[in-house]
Amino acid sequence: MSREFEDRVVVVTGATRGIGRAVALKLGEAGAHVVAIGRTVGALEELDDAIRGAGGEAATLVPLDLTDFDAIDRLGAGLFERWGRLDALVANAGILGQLSPIGHLPPKVWTDTIGLNLTANYRLIRSLDPLLRQSVAGRAVFMTAEQARTSEPFWGLLAASKAGLEALVRTYANEIAHTSVRVNLVDPGPTRSHFRGKAYPGEDKDTLAHPSAHAAPIMALLTPQCLENGSLIELSRKMADDGLPPDARSTSLA
């Protein structure tokens, strides 16, 4: 792999599994210094081993629960102290919440899901935007889901959290339109992941795209050459348009 991310500092949230892990690994291979955020120390260490095994430099590992909002502020301060900038952010962390009629949702489940899927991303923007502006080409990607736009019954919690995220990110994109920062939304579509498995427990995972199939298009949005801003990229549709089979996958994460 080319070293097109050499000397670029990239934060990846939800970096220990699924799409987050796939992107973090490929960024490390491409020369980025990955700041990997996840809740499990052991999984972060395994990611670090994988990045170094693929020829990348050791990652900075940040065990962090993103609903600890004050810790997100400390993250920004720590990044500023060490690098004075941030070149890219992959805001991948998220949870399904609970599939339920809206009136049956427990208040704590609502609060926890909105907290991670929406409020934590607002806090990331609040903490990291000044650092992205210090980069010559700051880039950010936020992960969303089709339920934000479909209003399916029983998916109201995920829909509300992701619809809020989409509005937040599009507004942010308009606010930074005249800077060197660019921000976009990515909807990966059906993907072989823990998130998908909880929503569709009986589904044949071998019919789904492997998380690593999404790494390259997400990384393309993080390059200085990407001038897209405020867009929604639906990766499953893009794969179909490119003629890739629905189970397109890589063995690199096996």
Protein backbone atom coordinates (compact mmCIF):
# COMPACT_ATOMS: atom_id res chain seq x y z
CA MET A 1 0.00 0.00 0.00
CA SER A 2 1.18 3.54 -0.76
CA ARG A 3 2.17 5.76 2.15
CA GLU A 4 -0.23 8.57 1.18
CA PHE A 5 -1.09 9.24 4.84
CA GLU A 6 2.53 9.64 5.94
CA ASP A 7 2.83 12.17 8.79
CA ARG A 8 -0.95 12.64 9.02
CA VAL A 9 -2.53 12.34 12.48
CA VAL A 10 -5.92 10.62 12.38
CA VAL A 11 -8.37 9.96 15.22
CA VAL A 12 -10.59 6.89 14.80
CA THR A 13 -13.42 6.27 17.28
CA GLY A 14 -14.86 2.80 17.69
CA ALA A 15 -11.49 1.56 16.49
CA THR A 16 -11.48 -1.90 18.05
CA ARG A 17 -13.89 -3.73 15.74
CA GLY A 18 -15.86 -3.56 12.52
CA ILE A 19 -15.41 -0.65 10.15
CA GLY A 20 -13.46 1.38 12.70
CA ARG A 21 -10.84 -1.33 13.08
CA ALA A 22 -10.62 -1.88 9.33
CA VAL A 23 -10.08 1.82 8.65
CA ALA A 24 -7.59 2.23 11.50
CA LEU A 25 -5.53 -0.70 10.26
CA LYS A 26 -5.45 0.52 6.67
CA LEU A 27 -4.60 4.06 7.78
CA GLY A 28 -1.70 2.70 9.79
CA GLU A 29 -0.48 0.71 6.80
CA ALA A 30 -0.69 3.89 4.70
CA GLY A 31 1.63 5.76 7.07
CA ALA A 32 -0.83 7.63 9.32
CA HIS A 33 -0.29 8.03 13.01
CA VAL A 34 -3.55 6.54 14.28
CA VAL A 35 -5.08 7.77 17.52
CA ALA A 36 -7.30 4.78 18.24
CA ILE A 37 -10.23 5.25 20.59
CA GLY A 38 -12.14 2.35 22.11
CA ARG A 39 -13.43 1.11 25.43
CA THR A 40 -11.42 -2.13 25.65
CA VAL A 41 -7.69 -1.95 26.36
CA GLY A 42 -6.99 -5.47 25.12
CA ALA A 43 -8.70 -4.85 21.78
CA LEU A 44 -6.81 -1.59 21.35
CA GLU A 45 -3.54 -3.40 21.98
CA GLU A 46 -4.45 -6.06 19.41
CA LEU A 47 -5.12 -3.30 16.87
CA ASP A 48 -1.74 -1.74 17.65
CA ASP A 49 -0.04 -5.10 17.11
CA ALA A 50 -1.84 -5.50 13.78
CA ILE A 51 -0.83 -2.03 12.60
CA ARG A 52 2.82 -2.60 13.50
CA GLY A 53 2.69 -6.07 11.95
CA ALA A 54 1.53 -4.46 8.70
CA GLY A 55 4.49 -2.05 8.72
CA GLY A 56 2.84 0.95 10.37
CA GLU A 57 4.09 2.91 13.38
CA ALA A 58 2.75 2.27 16.84
CA ALA A 59 -0.67 3.81 17.36
CA THR A 60 -1.65 6.08 20.22
CA LEU A 61 -4.19 4.06 22.21
CA VAL A 62 -6.92 5.93 24.07
CA PRO A 63 -9.22 3.79 26.23
CA LEU A 64 -12.24 6.06 26.40
CA ASP A 65 -15.98 5.86 26.87
CA LEU A 66 -17.23 8.59 24.55
CA THR A 67 -20.16 9.31 26.83
CA ASP A 68 -17.57 10.70 29.26
CA PHE A 69 -17.90 14.07 27.59
CA ASP A 70 -15.31 15.84 29.73
CA ALA A 71 -12.80 13.20 28.61
CA ILE A 72 -13.44 14.25 24.99
CA ASP A 73 -12.36 17.78 25.97
CA ARG A 74 -9.21 16.33 27.51
CA LEU A 75 -8.59 14.39 24.29
CA GLY A 76 -8.54 17.62 22.30
CA ALA A 77 -6.19 19.25 24.79
CA GLY A 78 -3.85 16.26 24.67
CA LEU A 79 -3.75 16.23 20.87
CA PHE A 80 -2.99 19.94 20.82
CA GLU A 81 -0.20 19.53 23.31
CA ARG A 82 1.43 16.71 21.32
CA TRP A 83 0.85 17.71 17.69
CA GLY A 84 -0.84 21.12 17.62
CA ARG A 85 -3.21 19.88 14.94
CA LEU A 86 -5.42 17.03 13.77
CA ASP A 87 -5.42 15.98 10.12
CA ALA A 88 -8.47 13.72 10.08
CA LEU A 89 -11.27 12.28 12.19
CA VAL A 90 -13.24 9.08 11.58
CA ALA A 91 -16.22 9.28 13.95
CA ASN A 92 -17.27 5.67 13.72
CA ALA A 93 -18.44 4.75 17.25
CA GLY A 94 -22.15 4.13 17.63
CA ILE A 95 -24.75 1.79 19.09
CA LEU A 96 -28.02 0.32 17.89
CA GLY A 97 -29.93 1.12 21.03
CA GLN A 98 -33.16 -0.88 21.15
CA LEU A 99 -35.68 -1.87 18.51
CA SER A 100 -39.00 -0.97 20.09
CA PRO A 101 -42.19 1.03 19.73
CA ILE A 102 -41.23 4.56 20.68
CA GLY A 103 -43.57 4.64 23.64
CA HIS A 104 -41.97 1.52 25.10
CA LEU A 105 -38.38 2.75 25.04
CA PRO A 106 -36.84 2.94 28.53
CA PRO A 107 -35.63 6.50 29.21
CA LYS A 108 -32.10 5.28 30.06
CA VAL A 109 -31.79 3.45 26.73
CA TRP A 110 -32.90 6.62 24.96
CA THR A 111 -30.43 8.79 26.87
CA ASP A 112 -27.51 6.39 26.39
CA THR A 113 -28.10 5.99 22.64
CA ILE A 114 -28.56 9.69 21.95
CA GLY A 115 -25.53 10.30 24.15
CA LEU A 116 -23.19 8.16 22.05
CA ASN A 117 -24.68 8.54 18.57
CA LEU A 118 -25.35 12.28 18.71
CA THR A 119 -24.06 14.15 21.76
CA ALA A 120 -20.61 12.52 21.71
CA ASN A 121 -20.18 13.60 18.08
CA TYR A 122 -21.16 17.16 18.96
CA ARG A 123 -18.54 17.04 21.72
CA LEU A 124 -15.95 15.68 19.26
CA ILE A 125 -16.64 18.57 16.89
CA ARG A 126 -16.47 21.03 19.77
CA SER A 127 -13.14 19.63 20.97
CA LEU A 128 -11.45 18.81 17.67
CA ASP A 129 -12.62 21.47 15.22
CA PRO A 130 -9.89 23.93 16.29
CA LEU A 131 -7.29 21.21 15.67
CA LEU A 132 -8.72 20.28 12.26
CA ARG A 133 -8.47 23.95 11.29
CA GLN A 134 -4.74 23.86 12.13
CA SER A 135 -4.17 21.14 9.52
CA VAL A 136 -3.42 22.13 5.95
CA ALA A 137 -6.27 19.82 4.94
CA GLY A 138 -8.43 18.77 7.88
CA ARG A 139 -10.91 16.04 7.01
CA ALA A 140 -13.72 14.37 8.98
CA VAL A 141 -16.11 11.50 8.32
CA PHE A 142 -19.13 10.66 10.46
CA MET A 143 -20.91 7.31 10.17
CA THR A 144 -24.67 7.29 9.75
CA ALA A 145 -27.39 4.75 8.85
CA GLU A 146 -30.23 4.58 6.35
CA GLN A 147 -32.80 4.57 9.17
CA ALA A 148 -32.16 8.29 9.55
CA ARG A 149 -34.06 8.70 6.29
CA THR A 150 -36.57 5.82 6.21
CA SER A 151 -38.70 6.17 9.39
CA GLU A 152 -39.13 2.41 9.74
CA PRO A 153 -41.39 1.21 12.57
CA PHE A 154 -39.52 0.20 15.75
CA TRP A 155 -36.30 1.89 14.59
CA GLY A 156 -37.24 5.27 16.03
CA LEU A 157 -34.35 5.52 18.49
CA LEU A 158 -31.61 4.83 15.94
CA ALA A 159 -33.47 6.97 13.39
CA ALA A 160 -33.67 9.95 15.73
CA SER A 161 -30.04 9.72 16.79
CA LYS A 162 -28.72 9.40 13.24
CA ALA A 163 -31.09 11.99 11.75
CA GLY A 164 -29.84 14.39 14.41
CA LEU A 165 -26.27 13.49 13.52
CA GLU A 166 -26.88 14.12 9.82
CA ALA A 167 -28.36 17.56 10.58
CA LEU A 168 -25.44 18.34 12.89
CA VAL A 169 -22.78 17.34 10.36
CA ARG A 170 -24.41 19.12 7.42
CA THR A 171 -24.64 22.29 9.50
CA TYR A 172 -21.00 21.92 10.50
CA ALA A 173 -20.09 21.45 6.84
CA ASN A 174 -21.74 24.76 5.99
CA GLU A 175 -19.94 26.49 8.85
CA ILE A 176 -16.49 25.34 7.70
CA ALA A 177 -17.15 25.70 3.96
CA HIS A 178 -14.69 28.60 3.62
CA THR A 179 -11.90 26.91 5.57
CA SER A 180 -9.50 24.12 4.62
CA VAL A 181 -11.63 21.57 6.53
CA ARG A 182 -14.02 19.18 4.76
CA VAL A 183 -16.58 16.94 6.45
CA ASN A 184 -18.88 14.24 5.09
CA LEU A 185 -21.32 11.53 6.14
CA VAL A 186 -20.92 7.85 5.26
CA ASP A 187 -23.74 5.28 5.31
CA PRO A 188 -22.02 1.89 4.93
CA GLY A 189 -25.23 -0.06 4.34
CA PRO A 190 -25.51 -3.76 5.26
CA THR A 191 -22.14 -4.77 6.71
CA ARG A 192 -20.87 -7.80 8.60
CA SER A 193 -20.63 -6.26 12.07
CA HIS A 194 -21.66 -6.60 15.70
CA PHE A 195 -24.08 -3.71 15.16
CA ARG A 196 -25.79 -5.50 12.26
CA GLY A 197 -25.81 -8.83 14.08
CA LYS A 198 -27.80 -7.37 16.97
CA ALA A 199 -30.41 -5.94 14.61
CA TYR A 200 -30.69 -9.02 12.38
CA PRO A 201 -29.61 -12.02 14.50
CA GLY A 202 -30.75 -14.64 11.97
CA GLU A 203 -29.11 -13.06 8.93
CA ASP A 204 -26.45 -14.95 6.96
CA LYS A 205 -23.40 -12.76 7.56
CA ASP A 206 -21.60 -14.25 4.56
CA THR A 207 -24.01 -12.34 2.29
CA LEU A 208 -22.87 -9.02 3.74
CA ALA A 209 -19.96 -6.76 2.88
CA HIS A 210 -16.90 -7.26 5.06
CA PRO A 211 -15.95 -4.11 7.04
CA SER A 212 -12.61 -3.97 5.24
CA ALA A 213 -14.44 -3.45 1.93
CA HIS A 214 -15.35 0.04 3.17
CA ALA A 215 -11.88 1.13 4.25
CA ALA A 216 -10.67 2.46 0.89
CA PRO A 217 -13.70 4.69 0.09
CA ILE A 218 -13.68 6.12 3.62
CA MET A 219 -9.94 6.82 3.41
CA ALA A 220 -10.46 8.59 0.08
CA LEU A 221 -12.61 11.13 1.93
CA LEU A 222 -9.72 11.81 4.32
CA THR A 223 -7.14 12.77 1.71
CA PRO A 224 -6.18 16.38 0.97
CA GLN A 225 -7.36 15.78 -2.60
CA CYS A 226 -10.95 15.25 -1.44
CA LEU A 227 -12.89 18.51 -1.77
CA GLU A 228 -16.33 16.98 -1.13
CA ASN A 229 -18.11 18.72 1.73
CA GLY A 230 -21.45 18.07 3.41
CA SER A 231 -22.22 15.03 1.28
CA LEU A 232 -23.82 11.71 2.18
CA ILE A 233 -22.00 8.75 0.63
CA GLU A 234 -23.97 5.50 0.59
CA LEU A 235 -21.29 2.84 0.30
CA SER A 236 -23.54 -0.15 -0.44
CA ARG A 237 -25.06 1.74 -3.36
CA LYS A 238 -21.61 2.80 -4.54
CA MET A 239 -20.44 -0.82 -4.44
CA ALA A 240 -23.45 -1.85 -6.52
CA ASP A 241 -22.79 0.94 -9.01
CA ASP A 242 -19.17 -0.23 -9.25
CA GLY A 243 -20.34 -3.76 -10.02
CA LEU A 244 -19.06 -5.34 -6.79
CA PRO A 245 -20.95 -8.34 -5.37
CA PRO A 246 -22.90 -7.85 -2.13
CA ASP A 247 -20.48 -10.09 -0.23
CA ALA A 248 -17.38 -8.18 -1.38
CA ARG A 249 -14.83 -8.73 1.32
CA SER A 250 -11.15 -8.86 2.16
CA THR A 251 -9.27 -11.54 4.07
CA SER A 252 -6.89 -9.00 5.59
CA LEU A 253 -8.81 -8.88 8.87
CA ALA A 254 -9.55 -12.58 9.19
